[in-house]
Amino acid sequence: EPFLALTDRLDLYACGYGLFGQLGTNSEESKTTFVHVASLRGKNIKNVFAGGHHSWVLLGNRLSVS
């Protein structure tokens, strides 16, 4: 199953089973060490969830005030 780690700077790292692309690394390879999920850099990540064949990232809304 995939494992996800969210840093205090909101960078997401993933490792584990990735046969179905659930690590978010644009690959279907499994990883034995944590790799940075660059596609989510700069996103407003609120929470992450991982399970057997899936992973989810909950993004928060960004509101710009003029």
C-alpha atoms as a PDB file:
ATOM      1  CA  GLU A   1       0.000   0.000   0.000  1.00  0.00           C
ATOM      2  CA  PRO A   2       1.154   3.589  -0.495  1.00  0.00           C
ATOM      3  CA  PHE A   3       2.518   5.738   2.307  1.00  0.00           C
ATOM      4  CA  LEU A   4       2.272   9.537   2.189  1.00  0.00           C
ATOM      5  CA  ALA A   5       4.128  12.137   4.246  1.00  0.00           C
ATOM      6  CA  LEU A   6       3.248  15.835   4.297  1.00  0.00           C
ATOM      7  CA  THR A   7       5.924  18.209   5.590  1.00  0.00           C
ATOM      8  CA  ASP A   8       5.337  21.401   7.536  1.00  0.00           C
ATOM      9  CA  ARG A   9       6.128  23.265   4.290  1.00  0.00           C
ATOM     10  CA  LEU A  10       3.298  21.348   2.565  1.00  0.00           C
ATOM     11  CA  ASP A  11       5.617  19.244   0.405  1.00  0.00           C
ATOM     12  CA  LEU A  12       4.247  15.760  -0.236  1.00  0.00           C
ATOM     13  CA  TYR A  13       6.432  12.651  -0.274  1.00  0.00           C
ATOM     14  CA  ALA A  14       5.281   9.146  -1.198  1.00  0.00           C
ATOM     15  CA  CYS A  15       6.606   5.592  -1.097  1.00  0.00           C
ATOM     16  CA  GLY A  16       5.308   2.043  -1.210  1.00  0.00           C
ATOM     17  CA  TYR A  17       3.160   0.171  -3.697  1.00  0.00           C
ATOM     18  CA  GLY A  18       2.623   2.181  -6.863  1.00  0.00           C
ATOM     19  CA  LEU A  19       1.433  -0.280  -9.514  1.00  0.00           C
ATOM     20  CA  PHE A  20      -1.688   1.791 -10.259  1.00  0.00           C
ATOM     21  CA  GLY A  21      -0.010   5.227 -10.128  1.00  0.00           C
ATOM     22  CA  GLN A  22      -1.252   5.975  -6.625  1.00  0.00           C
ATOM     23  CA  LEU A  23       2.068   7.517  -5.542  1.00  0.00           C
ATOM     24  CA  GLY A  24       1.476  10.539  -7.780  1.00  0.00           C
ATOM     25  CA  THR A  25       4.910  10.361  -9.391  1.00  0.00           C
ATOM     26  CA  ASN A  26       3.700   9.870 -12.999  1.00  0.00           C
ATOM     27  CA  SER A  27       5.000   6.319 -12.801  1.00  0.00           C
ATOM     28  CA  GLU A  28       3.580   2.935 -11.932  1.00  0.00           C
ATOM     29  CA  GLU A  29       6.744   1.867 -10.108  1.00  0.00           C
ATOM     30  CA  SER A  30       6.785   1.014  -6.433  1.00  0.00           C
ATOM     31  CA  LYS A  31       9.279   2.969  -4.315  1.00  0.00           C
ATOM     32  CA  THR A  32      11.149   1.723  -1.246  1.00  0.00           C
ATOM     33  CA  THR A  33      12.210   5.225  -0.193  1.00  0.00           C
ATOM     34  CA  PHE A  34      10.163   8.410  -0.067  1.00  0.00           C
ATOM     35  CA  VAL A  35      10.159  10.517  -3.250  1.00  0.00           C
ATOM     36  CA  HIS A  36       8.921  14.076  -3.659  1.00  0.00           C
ATOM     37  CA  VAL A  37       5.591  14.457  -5.484  1.00  0.00           C
ATOM     38  CA  ALA A  38       6.643  17.454  -7.562  1.00  0.00           C
ATOM     39  CA  SER A  39       3.281  17.777  -9.352  1.00  0.00           C
ATOM     40  CA  LEU A  40       1.734  19.041  -6.105  1.00  0.00           C
ATOM     41  CA  ARG A  41       4.443  21.577  -5.233  1.00  0.00           C
ATOM     42  CA  GLY A  42       2.905  24.922  -4.351  1.00  0.00           C
ATOM     43  CA  LYS A  43      -0.600  23.517  -3.955  1.00  0.00           C
ATOM     44  CA  ASN A  44      -2.593  24.274  -0.819  1.00  0.00           C
ATOM     45  CA  ILE A  45      -2.631  20.720   0.591  1.00  0.00           C
ATOM     46  CA  LYS A  46      -4.992  20.332   3.539  1.00  0.00           C
ATOM     47  CA  ASN A  47      -4.827  16.568   4.132  1.00  0.00           C
ATOM     48  CA  VAL A  48      -3.640  13.304   2.573  1.00  0.00           C
ATOM     49  CA  PHE A  49      -5.130   9.809   2.630  1.00  0.00           C
ATOM     50  CA  ALA A  50      -3.635   6.498   1.465  1.00  0.00           C
ATOM     51  CA  GLY A  51      -5.116   3.022   1.120  1.00  0.00           C
ATOM     52  CA  GLY A  52      -4.487  -0.271  -0.640  1.00  0.00           C
ATOM     53  CA  HIS A  53      -4.861   0.855  -4.251  1.00  0.00           C
ATOM     54  CA  HIS A  54      -5.442   4.586  -3.957  1.00  0.00           C
ATOM     55  CA  SER A  55      -4.252   7.828  -2.471  1.00  0.00           C
ATOM     56  CA  TRP A  56      -6.084  11.129  -2.154  1.00  0.00           C
ATOM     57  CA  VAL A  57      -4.913  14.653  -1.562  1.00  0.00           C
ATOM     58  CA  LEU A  58      -7.374  17.212  -0.266  1.00  0.00           C
ATOM     59  CA  LEU A  59      -6.609  20.703  -1.561  1.00  0.00           C
ATOM     60  CA  GLY A  60      -7.902  23.844   0.108  1.00  0.00           C
ATOM     61  CA  ASN A  61      -9.362  26.812  -1.683  1.00  0.00           C
ATOM     62  CA  ARG A  62      -7.151  29.758  -2.375  1.00  0.00           C
ATOM     63  CA  LEU A  63      -8.872  33.087  -2.366  1.00  0.00           C
ATOM     64  CA  SER A  64      -7.156  36.167  -3.640  1.00  0.00           C
ATOM     65  CA  VAL A  65      -8.211  39.447  -2.116  1.00  0.00           C
ATOM     66  CA  SER A  66      -7.829  42.566  -4.202  1.00  0.00           C
END
